[in-house]
Every structure is written in C-alpha cells, then in structure tokens.
PDB file of N, CA and C in Angstrom:
ATOM      1  N   MET A   1       0.904 -18.803  -6.900  1.00  0.00           N
ATOM      2  CA  MET A   1       1.186 -20.001  -6.146  1.00  0.00           C
ATOM      3  C   MET A   1       1.609 -19.669  -4.711  1.00  0.00           C
ATOM      4  N   TRP A   2       2.411 -18.626  -4.553  1.00  0.00           N
ATOM      5  CA  TRP A   2       2.857 -18.221  -3.216  1.00  0.00           C
ATOM      6  C   TRP A   2       1.660 -17.904  -2.338  1.00  0.00           C
ATOM      7  N   GLU A   3       0.666 -17.214  -2.910  1.00  0.00           N
ATOM      8  CA  GLU A   3      -0.510 -16.832  -2.148  1.00  0.00           C
ATOM      9  C   GLU A   3      -1.277 -18.059  -1.662  1.00  0.00           C
ATOM     10  N   LEU A   4      -1.374 -19.081  -2.507  1.00  0.00           N
ATOM     11  CA  LEU A   4      -2.083 -20.297  -2.119  1.00  0.00           C
ATOM     12  C   LEU A   4      -1.349 -21.015  -0.993  1.00  0.00           C
ATOM     13  N   ASN A   5      -0.027 -21.033  -1.048  1.00  0.00           N
ATOM     14  CA  ASN A   5       0.752 -21.631   0.044  1.00  0.00           C
ATOM     15  C   ASN A   5       0.543 -20.857   1.336  1.00  0.00           C
ATOM     16  N   GLN A   6       0.507 -19.543   1.242  1.00  0.00           N
ATOM     17  CA  GLN A   6       0.275 -18.714   2.430  1.00  0.00           C
ATOM     18  C   GLN A   6      -1.117 -18.975   3.003  1.00  0.00           C
ATOM     19  N   ARG A   7      -2.116 -19.119   2.118  1.00  0.00           N
ATOM     20  CA  ARG A   7      -3.481 -19.404   2.576  1.00  0.00           C
ATOM     21  C   ARG A   7      -3.503 -20.736   3.315  1.00  0.00           C
ATOM     22  N   ASN A   8      -2.850 -21.749   2.759  1.00  0.00           N
ATOM     23  CA  ASN A   8      -2.830 -23.053   3.419  1.00  0.00           C
ATOM     24  C   ASN A   8      -2.081 -23.014   4.746  1.00  0.00           C
ATOM     25  N   LYS A   9      -1.002 -22.261   4.816  1.00  0.00           N
ATOM     26  CA  LYS A   9      -0.281 -22.110   6.089  1.00  0.00           C
ATOM     27  C   LYS A   9      -1.165 -21.452   7.131  1.00  0.00           C
ATOM     28  N   ALA A  10      -1.901 -20.445   6.725  1.00  0.00           N
ATOM     29  CA  ALA A  10      -2.805 -19.759   7.653  1.00  0.00           C
ATOM     30  C   ALA A  10      -3.902 -20.710   8.122  1.00  0.00           C
ATOM     31  N   LYS A  11      -4.443 -21.507   7.221  1.00  0.00           N
ATOM     32  CA  LYS A  11      -5.485 -22.464   7.603  1.00  0.00           C
ATOM     33  C   LYS A  11      -4.940 -23.523   8.554  1.00  0.00           C
ATOM     34  N   ARG A  12      -3.710 -23.959   8.336  1.00  0.00           N
ATOM     35  CA  ARG A  12      -3.085 -24.907   9.268  1.00  0.00           C
ATOM     36  C   ARG A  12      -2.960 -24.279  10.658  1.00  0.00           C
ATOM     37  N   ALA A  13      -2.511 -23.038  10.704  1.00  0.00           N
ATOM     38  CA  ALA A  13      -2.352 -22.354  11.988  1.00  0.00           C
ATOM     39  C   ALA A  13      -3.699 -22.207  12.693  1.00  0.00           C
ATOM     40  N   ILE A  14      -4.729 -21.862  11.948  1.00  0.00           N
ATOM     41  CA  ILE A  14      -6.072 -21.733  12.529  1.00  0.00           C
ATOM     42  C   ILE A  14      -6.549 -23.086  13.042  1.00  0.00           C
ATOM     43  N   THR A  15      -6.319 -24.131  12.270  1.00  0.00           N
ATOM     44  CA  THR A  15      -6.729 -25.472  12.673  1.00  0.00           C
ATOM     45  C   THR A  15      -6.048 -25.876  13.973  1.00  0.00           C
ATOM     46  N   LEU A  16      -4.771 -25.585  14.095  1.00  0.00           N
ATOM     47  CA  LEU A  16      -4.060 -25.899  15.337  1.00  0.00           C
ATOM     48  C   LEU A  16      -4.616 -25.102  16.505  1.00  0.00           C
ATOM     49  N   GLN A  17      -5.046 -23.875  16.251  1.00  0.00           N
ATOM     50  CA  GLN A  17      -5.666 -23.075  17.313  1.00  0.00           C
ATOM     51  C   GLN A  17      -6.999 -23.677  17.743  1.00  0.00           C
ATOM     52  N   VAL A  18      -7.733 -24.248  16.808  1.00  0.00           N
ATOM     53  CA  VAL A  18      -8.973 -24.947  17.166  1.00  0.00           C
ATOM     54  C   VAL A  18      -8.640 -26.162  18.027  1.00  0.00           C
ATOM     55  N   LEU A  19      -7.641 -26.923  17.622  1.00  0.00           N
ATOM     56  CA  LEU A  19      -7.249 -28.104  18.385  1.00  0.00           C
ATOM     57  C   LEU A  19      -6.745 -27.736  19.783  1.00  0.00           C
ATOM     58  N   ASP A  20      -6.111 -26.582  19.897  1.00  0.00           N
ATOM     59  CA  ASP A  20      -5.619 -26.104  21.198  1.00  0.00           C
ATOM     60  C   ASP A  20      -6.703 -25.388  21.996  1.00  0.00           C
ATOM     61  N   ARG A  21      -7.893 -25.261  21.381  1.00  0.00           N
ATOM     62  CA  ARG A  21      -9.050 -24.588  21.986  1.00  0.00           C
ATOM     63  C   ARG A  21      -8.818 -23.090  22.191  1.00  0.00           C
ATOM     64  N   ASP A  22      -7.958 -22.529  21.344  1.00  0.00           N
ATOM     65  CA  ASP A  22      -7.742 -21.084  21.355  1.00  0.00           C
ATOM     66  C   ASP A  22      -8.738 -20.367  20.451  1.00  0.00           C
ATOM     67  N   LEU A  23      -9.345 -21.106  19.518  1.00  0.00           N
ATOM     68  CA  LEU A  23     -10.400 -20.582  18.649  1.00  0.00           C
ATOM     69  C   LEU A  23     -11.560 -21.560  18.668  1.00  0.00           C
ATOM     70  N   THR A  24     -12.775 -21.027  18.583  1.00  0.00           N
ATOM     71  CA  THR A  24     -13.941 -21.888  18.464  1.00  0.00           C
ATOM     72  C   THR A  24     -14.104 -22.320  17.006  1.00  0.00           C
ATOM     73  N   LEU A  25     -14.943 -23.303  16.803  1.00  0.00           N
ATOM     74  CA  LEU A  25     -15.280 -23.725  15.448  1.00  0.00           C
ATOM     75  C   LEU A  25     -15.787 -22.546  14.629  1.00  0.00           C
ATOM     76  N   PHE A  26     -16.618 -21.717  15.228  1.00  0.00           N
ATOM     77  CA  PHE A  26     -17.262 -20.630  14.509  1.00  0.00           C
ATOM     78  C   PHE A  26     -16.302 -19.470  14.227  1.00  0.00           C
ATOM     79  N   GLU A  27     -15.389 -19.215  15.144  1.00  0.00           N
ATOM     80  CA  GLU A  27     -14.344 -18.223  14.878  1.00  0.00           C
ATOM     81  C   GLU A  27     -13.439 -18.697  13.748  1.00  0.00           C
ATOM     82  N   ALA A  28     -13.058 -19.972  13.792  1.00  0.00           N
ATOM     83  CA  ALA A  28     -12.208 -20.525  12.739  1.00  0.00           C
ATOM     84  C   ALA A  28     -12.921 -20.479  11.390  1.00  0.00           C
ATOM     85  N   ALA A  29     -14.209 -20.793  11.376  1.00  0.00           N
ATOM     86  CA  ALA A  29     -14.968 -20.753  10.124  1.00  0.00           C
ATOM     87  C   ALA A  29     -15.005 -19.340   9.553  1.00  0.00           C
ATOM     88  N   ALA A  30     -15.140 -18.346  10.412  1.00  0.00           N
ATOM     89  CA  ALA A  30     -15.131 -16.958   9.938  1.00  0.00           C
ATOM     90  C   ALA A  30     -13.782 -16.633   9.290  1.00  0.00           C
ATOM     91  N   TRP A  31     -12.690 -17.072   9.915  1.00  0.00           N
ATOM     92  CA  TRP A  31     -11.364 -16.844   9.342  1.00  0.00           C
ATOM     93  C   TRP A  31     -11.179 -17.608   8.040  1.00  0.00           C
ATOM     94  N   PHE A  32     -11.666 -18.845   7.989  1.00  0.00           N
ATOM     95  CA  PHE A  32     -11.591 -19.606   6.735  1.00  0.00           C
ATOM     96  C   PHE A  32     -12.348 -18.872   5.633  1.00  0.00           C
ATOM     97  N   GLY A  33     -13.504 -18.300   5.966  1.00  0.00           N
ATOM     98  CA  GLY A  33     -14.273 -17.550   4.977  1.00  0.00           C
ATOM     99  C   GLY A  33     -13.471 -16.406   4.397  1.00  0.00           C
ATOM    100  N   TYR A  34     -12.765 -15.693   5.265  1.00  0.00           N
ATOM    101  CA  TYR A  34     -11.907 -14.595   4.817  1.00  0.00           C
ATOM    102  C   TYR A  34     -10.785 -15.135   3.918  1.00  0.00           C
ATOM    103  N   LEU A  35     -10.109 -16.174   4.390  1.00  0.00           N
ATOM    104  CA  LEU A  35      -8.969 -16.719   3.652  1.00  0.00           C
ATOM    105  C   LEU A  35      -9.385 -17.352   2.327  1.00  0.00           C
ATOM    106  N   ASN A  36     -10.574 -17.923   2.281  1.00  0.00           N
ATOM    107  CA  ASN A  36     -11.032 -18.577   1.054  1.00  0.00           C
ATOM    108  C   ASN A  36     -11.148 -17.608  -0.112  1.00  0.00           C
ATOM    109  N   GLU A  37     -11.287 -16.343   0.173  1.00  0.00           N
ATOM    110  CA  GLU A  37     -11.416 -15.336  -0.883  1.00  0.00           C
ATOM    111  C   GLU A  37     -10.080 -14.682  -1.252  1.00  0.00           C
ATOM    112  N   CYS A  38      -9.011 -15.106  -0.593  1.00  0.00           N
ATOM    113  CA  CYS A  38      -7.695 -14.527  -0.840  1.00  0.00           C
ATOM    114  C   CYS A  38      -6.782 -15.546  -1.519  1.00  0.00           C
ATOM    115  N   PRO A  39      -6.137 -15.239  -2.582  1.00  0.00           N
ATOM    116  CA  PRO A  39      -6.273 -14.008  -3.359  1.00  0.00           C
ATOM    117  C   PRO A  39      -7.556 -14.038  -4.189  1.00  0.00           C
ATOM    118  N   GLY A  40      -8.067 -12.866  -4.481  1.00  0.00           N
ATOM    119  CA  GLY A  40      -9.332 -12.731  -5.183  1.00  0.00           C
ATOM    120  C   GLY A  40      -9.376 -13.425  -6.531  1.00  0.00           C
ATOM    121  N   GLU A  41      -8.245 -13.470  -7.206  1.00  0.00           N
ATOM    122  CA  GLU A  41      -8.217 -14.109  -8.527  1.00  0.00           C
ATOM    123  C   GLU A  41      -8.139 -15.638  -8.436  1.00  0.00           C
ATOM    124  N   CYS A  42      -8.020 -16.168  -7.220  1.00  0.00           N
ATOM    125  CA  CYS A  42      -7.912 -17.615  -7.041  1.00  0.00           C
ATOM    126  C   CYS A  42      -8.635 -18.048  -5.763  1.00  0.00           C
ATOM    127  N   PRO A  43      -9.961 -17.842  -5.701  1.00  0.00           N
ATOM    128  CA  PRO A  43     -10.685 -18.216  -4.489  1.00  0.00           C
ATOM    129  C   PRO A  43     -10.717 -19.728  -4.292  1.00  0.00           C
ATOM    130  N   ASP A  44     -10.868 -20.139  -3.051  1.00  0.00           N
ATOM    131  CA  ASP A  44     -10.989 -21.549  -2.699  1.00  0.00           C
ATOM    132  C   ASP A  44     -12.326 -22.063  -3.249  1.00  0.00           C
ATOM    133  N   LEU A  45     -12.340 -23.271  -3.753  1.00  0.00           N
ATOM    134  CA  LEU A  45     -13.541 -23.845  -4.360  1.00  0.00           C
ATOM    135  C   LEU A  45     -14.345 -24.699  -3.383  1.00  0.00           C
ATOM    136  N   TYR A  46     -14.215 -24.438  -2.086  1.00  0.00           N
ATOM    137  CA  TYR A  46     -14.856 -25.257  -1.063  1.00  0.00           C
ATOM    138  C   TYR A  46     -16.368 -25.349  -1.233  1.00  0.00           C
ATOM    139  N   ARG A  47     -17.016 -24.297  -1.750  1.00  0.00           N
ATOM    140  CA  ARG A  47     -18.477 -24.304  -1.863  1.00  0.00           C
ATOM    141  C   ARG A  47     -18.980 -25.481  -2.691  1.00  0.00           C
ATOM    142  N   ALA A  48     -18.217 -25.853  -3.701  1.00  0.00           N
ATOM    143  CA  ALA A  48     -18.612 -26.963  -4.568  1.00  0.00           C
ATOM    144  C   ALA A  48     -18.233 -28.320  -3.967  1.00  0.00           C
ATOM    145  N   LEU A  49     -17.345 -28.330  -3.004  1.00  0.00           N
ATOM    146  CA  LEU A  49     -16.797 -29.589  -2.505  1.00  0.00           C
ATOM    147  C   LEU A  49     -17.284 -29.992  -1.116  1.00  0.00           C
ATOM    148  N   VAL A  50     -17.716 -29.017  -0.321  1.00  0.00           N
ATOM    149  CA  VAL A  50     -18.061 -29.272   1.073  1.00  0.00           C
ATOM    150  C   VAL A  50     -19.583 -29.220   1.233  1.00  0.00           C
ATOM    151  N   PRO A  51     -20.170 -30.216   1.913  1.00  0.00           N
ATOM    152  CA  PRO A  51     -21.622 -30.200   2.084  1.00  0.00           C
ATOM    153  C   PRO A  51     -22.070 -29.143   3.087  1.00  0.00           C
ATOM    154  N   GLY A  52     -23.305 -28.736   2.954  1.00  0.00           N
ATOM    155  CA  GLY A  52     -23.889 -27.778   3.888  1.00  0.00           C
ATOM    156  C   GLY A  52     -25.001 -26.992   3.231  1.00  0.00           C
ATOM    157  N   ALA A  53     -25.964 -26.579   4.026  1.00  0.00           N
ATOM    158  CA  ALA A  53     -27.129 -25.853   3.507  1.00  0.00           C
ATOM    159  C   ALA A  53     -26.809 -24.394   3.194  1.00  0.00           C
ATOM    160  N   THR A  54     -25.852 -23.824   3.909  1.00  0.00           N
ATOM    161  CA  THR A  54     -25.486 -22.424   3.709  1.00  0.00           C
ATOM    162  C   THR A  54     -23.973 -22.310   3.608  1.00  0.00           C
ATOM    163  N   ASN A  55     -23.520 -21.165   3.149  1.00  0.00           N
ATOM    164  CA  ASN A  55     -22.082 -20.925   3.074  1.00  0.00           C
ATOM    165  C   ASN A  55     -21.446 -21.040   4.461  1.00  0.00           C
ATOM    166  N   GLU A  56     -22.106 -20.511   5.477  1.00  0.00           N
ATOM    167  CA  GLU A  56     -21.567 -20.552   6.841  1.00  0.00           C
ATOM    168  C   GLU A  56     -21.422 -21.989   7.345  1.00  0.00           C
ATOM    169  N   GLU A  57     -22.423 -22.817   7.048  1.00  0.00           N
ATOM    170  CA  GLU A  57     -22.326 -24.226   7.441  1.00  0.00           C
ATOM    171  C   GLU A  57     -21.190 -24.915   6.686  1.00  0.00           C
ATOM    172  N   LYS A  58     -21.045 -24.610   5.409  1.00  0.00           N
ATOM    173  CA  LYS A  58     -19.958 -25.176   4.614  1.00  0.00           C
ATOM    174  C   LYS A  58     -18.599 -24.780   5.197  1.00  0.00           C
ATOM    175  N   LEU A  59     -18.476 -23.541   5.655  1.00  0.00           N
ATOM    176  CA  LEU A  59     -17.220 -23.103   6.266  1.00  0.00           C
ATOM    177  C   LEU A  59     -16.919 -23.905   7.526  1.00  0.00           C
ATOM    178  N   CYS A  60     -17.937 -24.145   8.349  1.00  0.00           N
ATOM    179  CA  CYS A  60     -17.731 -24.960   9.550  1.00  0.00           C
ATOM    180  C   CYS A  60     -17.291 -26.367   9.171  1.00  0.00           C
ATOM    181  N   ARG A  61     -17.920 -26.923   8.162  1.00  0.00           N
ATOM    182  CA  ARG A  61     -17.563 -28.278   7.735  1.00  0.00           C
ATOM    183  C   ARG A  61     -16.164 -28.319   7.110  1.00  0.00           C
ATOM    184  N   GLN A  62     -15.769 -27.225   6.484  1.00  0.00           N
ATOM    185  CA  GLN A  62     -14.406 -27.153   5.950  1.00  0.00           C
ATOM    186  C   GLN A  62     -13.398 -27.162   7.102  1.00  0.00           C
ATOM    187  N   VAL A  63     -13.682 -26.425   8.164  1.00  0.00           N
ATOM    188  CA  VAL A  63     -12.796 -26.434   9.336  1.00  0.00           C
ATOM    189  C   VAL A  63     -12.721 -27.850   9.913  1.00  0.00           C
ATOM    190  N   ILE A  64     -13.857 -28.507  10.035  1.00  0.00           N
ATOM    191  CA  ILE A  64     -13.878 -29.871  10.581  1.00  0.00           C
ATOM    192  C   ILE A  64     -13.053 -30.808   9.711  1.00  0.00           C
ATOM    193  N   LEU A  65     -13.136 -30.661   8.408  1.00  0.00           N
ATOM    194  CA  LEU A  65     -12.313 -31.462   7.499  1.00  0.00           C
ATOM    195  C   LEU A  65     -10.827 -31.220   7.758  1.00  0.00           C
ATOM    196  N   TRP A  66     -10.449 -29.962   7.924  1.00  0.00           N
ATOM    197  CA  TRP A  66      -9.048 -29.640   8.215  1.00  0.00           C
ATOM    198  C   TRP A  66      -8.624 -30.231   9.562  1.00  0.00           C
ATOM    199  N   VAL A  67      -9.513 -30.232  10.541  1.00  0.00           N
ATOM    200  CA  VAL A  67      -9.197 -30.840  11.836  1.00  0.00           C
ATOM    201  C   VAL A  67      -8.917 -32.333  11.650  1.00  0.00           C
ATOM    202  N   ARG A  68      -9.733 -32.995  10.841  1.00  0.00           N
ATOM    203  CA  ARG A  68      -9.510 -34.422  10.579  1.00  0.00           C
ATOM    204  C   ARG A  68      -8.146 -34.653   9.929  1.00  0.00           C
ATOM    205  N   ILE A  69      -7.816 -33.831   8.961  1.00  0.00           N
ATOM    206  CA  ILE A  69      -6.569 -34.032   8.204  1.00  0.00           C
ATOM    207  C   ILE A  69      -5.345 -33.590   9.003  1.00  0.00           C
ATOM    208  N   GLU A  70      -5.347 -32.351   9.464  1.00  0.00           N
ATOM    209  CA  GLU A  70      -4.184 -31.818  10.185  1.00  0.00           C
ATOM    210  C   GLU A  70      -4.017 -32.461  11.554  1.00  0.00           C
ATOM    211  N   GLY A  71      -5.119 -32.845  12.157  1.00  0.00           N
ATOM    212  CA  GLY A  71      -5.055 -33.461  13.473  1.00  0.00           C
ATOM    213  C   GLY A  71      -4.333 -34.796  13.473  1.00  0.00           C
ATOM    214  N   LYS A  72      -4.347 -35.490  12.345  1.00  0.00           N
ATOM    215  CA  LYS A  72      -3.684 -36.790  12.264  1.00  0.00           C
ATOM    216  C   LYS A  72      -2.185 -36.681  12.526  1.00  0.00           C
ATOM    217  N   SER A  73      -1.589 -35.552  12.132  1.00  0.00           N
ATOM    218  CA  SER A  73      -0.151 -35.395  12.382  1.00  0.00           C
ATOM    219  C   SER A  73       0.135 -34.621  13.665  1.00  0.00           C
ATOM    220  N   ALA A  74      -0.877 -33.960  14.209  1.00  0.00           N
ATOM    221  CA  ALA A  74      -0.652 -33.128  15.395  1.00  0.00           C
ATOM    222  C   ALA A  74      -1.110 -33.788  16.699  1.00  0.00           C
ATOM    223  N   LEU A  75      -1.896 -34.858  16.588  1.00  0.00           N
ATOM    224  CA  LEU A  75      -2.491 -35.474  17.779  1.00  0.00           C
ATOM    225  C   LEU A  75      -2.183 -36.965  17.833  1.00  0.00           C
ATOM    226  N   PRO A  76      -2.353 -37.572  19.007  1.00  0.00           N
ATOM    227  CA  PRO A  76      -2.191 -39.032  19.105  1.00  0.00           C
ATOM    228  C   PRO A  76      -3.217 -39.746  18.213  1.00  0.00           C
ATOM    229  N   PRO A  77      -2.937 -40.984  17.830  1.00  0.00           N
ATOM    230  CA  PRO A  77      -3.848 -41.738  16.958  1.00  0.00           C
ATOM    231  C   PRO A  77      -5.284 -41.750  17.496  1.00  0.00           C
ATOM    232  N   GLY A  78      -6.225 -41.508  16.608  1.00  0.00           N
ATOM    233  CA  GLY A  78      -7.640 -41.532  16.965  1.00  0.00           C
ATOM    234  C   GLY A  78      -8.185 -40.249  17.533  1.00  0.00           C
ATOM    235  N   GLN A  79      -7.317 -39.398  18.050  1.00  0.00           N
ATOM    236  CA  GLN A  79      -7.797 -38.177  18.697  1.00  0.00           C
ATOM    237  C   GLN A  79      -8.319 -37.157  17.681  1.00  0.00           C
ATOM    238  N   ALA A  80      -7.754 -37.122  16.487  1.00  0.00           N
ATOM    239  CA  ALA A  80      -8.227 -36.182  15.473  1.00  0.00           C
ATOM    240  C   ALA A  80      -9.679 -36.462  15.126  1.00  0.00           C
ATOM    241  N   GLU A  81     -10.011 -37.731  14.959  1.00  0.00           N
ATOM    242  CA  GLU A  81     -11.391 -38.090  14.646  1.00  0.00           C
ATOM    243  C   GLU A  81     -12.318 -37.744  15.803  1.00  0.00           C
ATOM    244  N   GLN A  82     -11.864 -37.936  17.031  1.00  0.00           N
ATOM    245  CA  GLN A  82     -12.682 -37.572  18.196  1.00  0.00           C
ATOM    246  C   GLN A  82     -12.915 -36.067  18.238  1.00  0.00           C
ATOM    247  N   GLU A  83     -11.875 -35.296  17.967  1.00  0.00           N
ATOM    248  CA  GLU A  83     -12.018 -33.839  17.937  1.00  0.00           C
ATOM    249  C   GLU A  83     -13.004 -33.423  16.836  1.00  0.00           C
ATOM    250  N   ALA A  84     -12.897 -34.050  15.672  1.00  0.00           N
ATOM    251  CA  ALA A  84     -13.811 -33.745  14.576  1.00  0.00           C
ATOM    252  C   ALA A  84     -15.249 -34.094  14.962  1.00  0.00           C
ATOM    253  N   GLN A  85     -15.443 -35.227  15.626  1.00  0.00           N
ATOM    254  CA  GLN A  85     -16.785 -35.611  16.068  1.00  0.00           C
ATOM    255  C   GLN A  85     -17.336 -34.606  17.078  1.00  0.00           C
ATOM    256  N   ASN A  86     -16.485 -34.138  17.981  1.00  0.00           N
ATOM    257  CA  ASN A  86     -16.920 -33.118  18.948  1.00  0.00           C
ATOM    258  C   ASN A  86     -17.378 -31.855  18.233  1.00  0.00           C
ATOM    259  N   LEU A  87     -16.638 -31.458  17.202  1.00  0.00           N
ATOM    260  CA  LEU A  87     -17.011 -30.268  16.440  1.00  0.00           C
ATOM    261  C   LEU A  87     -18.299 -30.495  15.657  1.00  0.00           C
ATOM    262  N   GLU A  88     -18.491 -31.698  15.127  1.00  0.00           N
ATOM    263  CA  GLU A  88     -19.742 -32.036  14.439  1.00  0.00           C
ATOM    264  C   GLU A  88     -20.921 -31.897  15.401  1.00  0.00           C
ATOM    265  N   GLU A  89     -20.750 -32.380  16.623  1.00  0.00           N
ATOM    266  CA  GLU A  89     -21.808 -32.269  17.634  1.00  0.00           C
ATOM    267  C   GLU A  89     -22.078 -30.811  17.996  1.00  0.00           C
ATOM    268  N   MET A  90     -21.017 -30.033  18.101  1.00  0.00           N
ATOM    269  CA  MET A  90     -21.166 -28.607  18.391  1.00  0.00           C
ATOM    270  C   MET A  90     -21.937 -27.915  17.269  1.00  0.00           C
ATOM    271  N   LEU A  91     -21.601 -28.251  16.038  1.00  0.00           N
ATOM    272  CA  LEU A  91     -22.290 -27.678  14.890  1.00  0.00           C
ATOM    273  C   LEU A  91     -23.762 -28.080  14.893  1.00  0.00           C
ATOM    274  N   ALA A  92     -24.047 -29.353  15.141  1.00  0.00           N
ATOM    275  CA  ALA A  92     -25.432 -29.831  15.179  1.00  0.00           C
ATOM    276  C   ALA A  92     -26.230 -29.111  16.265  1.00  0.00           C
ATOM    277  N   ALA A  93     -25.635 -28.927  17.432  1.00  0.00           N
ATOM    278  CA  ALA A  93     -26.321 -28.225  18.522  1.00  0.00           C
ATOM    279  C   ALA A  93     -26.582 -26.768  18.148  1.00  0.00           C
ATOM    280  N   HIS A  94     -25.630 -26.146  17.521  1.00  0.00           N
ATOM    281  CA  HIS A  94     -25.779 -24.750  17.080  1.00  0.00           C
ATOM    282  C   HIS A  94     -26.915 -24.635  16.065  1.00  0.00           C
ATOM    283  N   LEU A  95     -26.946 -25.559  15.103  1.00  0.00           N
ATOM    284  CA  LEU A  95     -28.009 -25.555  14.096  1.00  0.00           C
ATOM    285  C   LEU A  95     -29.373 -25.802  14.734  1.00  0.00           C
ATOM    286  N   ALA A  96     -29.436 -26.688  15.688  1.00  0.00           N
ATOM    287  CA  ALA A  96     -30.702 -26.969  16.368  1.00  0.00           C
ATOM    288  C   ALA A  96     -31.185 -25.750  17.155  1.00  0.00           C
ATOM    289  N   ARG A  97     -30.261 -25.031  17.751  1.00  0.00           N
ATOM    290  CA  ARG A  97     -30.607 -23.868  18.573  1.00  0.00           C
ATOM    291  C   ARG A  97     -30.980 -22.663  17.724  1.00  0.00           C
ATOM    292  N   HIS A  98     -30.228 -22.416  16.640  1.00  0.00           N
ATOM    293  CA  HIS A  98     -30.401 -21.184  15.870  1.00  0.00           C
ATOM    294  C   HIS A  98     -31.082 -21.386  14.505  1.00  0.00           C
ATOM    295  N   GLY A  99     -31.133 -22.622  14.023  1.00  0.00           N
ATOM    296  CA  GLY A  99     -31.730 -22.887  12.728  1.00  0.00           C
ATOM    297  C   GLY A  99     -30.802 -22.604  11.553  1.00  0.00           C
ATOM    298  N   LYS A 100     -29.682 -21.989  11.838  1.00  0.00           N
ATOM    299  CA  LYS A 100     -28.659 -21.697  10.830  1.00  0.00           C
ATOM    300  C   LYS A 100     -27.357 -21.431  11.559  1.00  0.00           C
ATOM    301  N   VAL A 101     -26.285 -21.396  10.814  1.00  0.00           N
ATOM    302  CA  VAL A 101     -24.980 -21.091  11.408  1.00  0.00           C
ATOM    303  C   VAL A 101     -24.796 -19.585  11.455  1.00  0.00           C
ATOM    304  N   ILE A 102     -24.425 -19.114  12.620  1.00  0.00           N
ATOM    305  CA  ILE A 102     -24.139 -17.700  12.818  1.00  0.00           C
ATOM    306  C   ILE A 102     -22.659 -17.571  13.136  1.00  0.00           C
ATOM    307  N   LEU A 103     -21.922 -16.899  12.261  1.00  0.00           N
ATOM    308  CA  LEU A 103     -20.479 -16.718  12.475  1.00  0.00           C
ATOM    309  C   LEU A 103     -20.214 -15.347  13.080  1.00  0.00           C
ATOM    310  N   PRO A 104     -19.191 -15.251  13.931  1.00  0.00           N
ATOM    311  CA  PRO A 104     -18.835 -13.942  14.489  1.00  0.00           C
ATOM    312  C   PRO A 104     -18.184 -13.058  13.435  1.00  0.00           C
ATOM    313  N   ASP A 105     -18.257 -11.767  13.659  1.00  0.00           N
ATOM    314  CA  ASP A 105     -17.540 -10.829  12.812  1.00  0.00           C
ATOM    315  C   ASP A 105     -16.054 -10.914  13.142  1.00  0.00           C
ATOM    316  N   LEU A 106     -15.243 -10.679  12.143  1.00  0.00           N
ATOM    317  CA  LEU A 106     -13.783 -10.652  12.362  1.00  0.00           C
ATOM    318  C   LEU A 106     -13.357  -9.290  12.820  1.00  0.00           C
TER     319      LEU A 106
END
C-alpha cells in the first residue's frame, strides 16, 4: 500500500510539472510508464482503462486524465479542462506528424 501511495504522489508531482510547463506531455508520459510498473507486483492497470492505439498513446492519455483531475484543485475554475484540451491537441498533432507516439528515453 505504501508503494501505491508513493506512486500516486509521484504522479501528482509530475502532473504539476506539466501544468507548470516544466515537463512536456511526452516526458510526463515516459515517467508515468516507469511509475506504472512500480512496484512490479502491483502494476497500474491503465492499459485496460485508458483509450489509445498503443501503450505510448495510452500513457499520454493517462497524463491528460491526471491533468483534468489534479488541475481542478491546482488551477482556477475551467483552466484544468483548457490545459487538458491543449494537451489533446498536442497529442493529435504529434500523431499526425509521426503516425505514432514517440516518448523520450528517461
């Protein structure tokens, strides 16, 4: 249980970095991918819950979901949804340009 709380704390911190523009959507998705596998005996079940054609796209959509949720308490009303929409547009442009999501190495 402690490990799951630590994973969620780390995801909150990453989400705030995205909102502060200290991390890109794709950098955050790479970190979420790492965290989703920790601890190994209790991986995150996002693959079954988040839409997307590939694991990388699902990770981006998971970050966007966290922005929607965490942003509601960290930003003025309505701004979390605007930030999420901006990230959706960024993801769509990336997919149009590359045909798939390309995440950076950690």
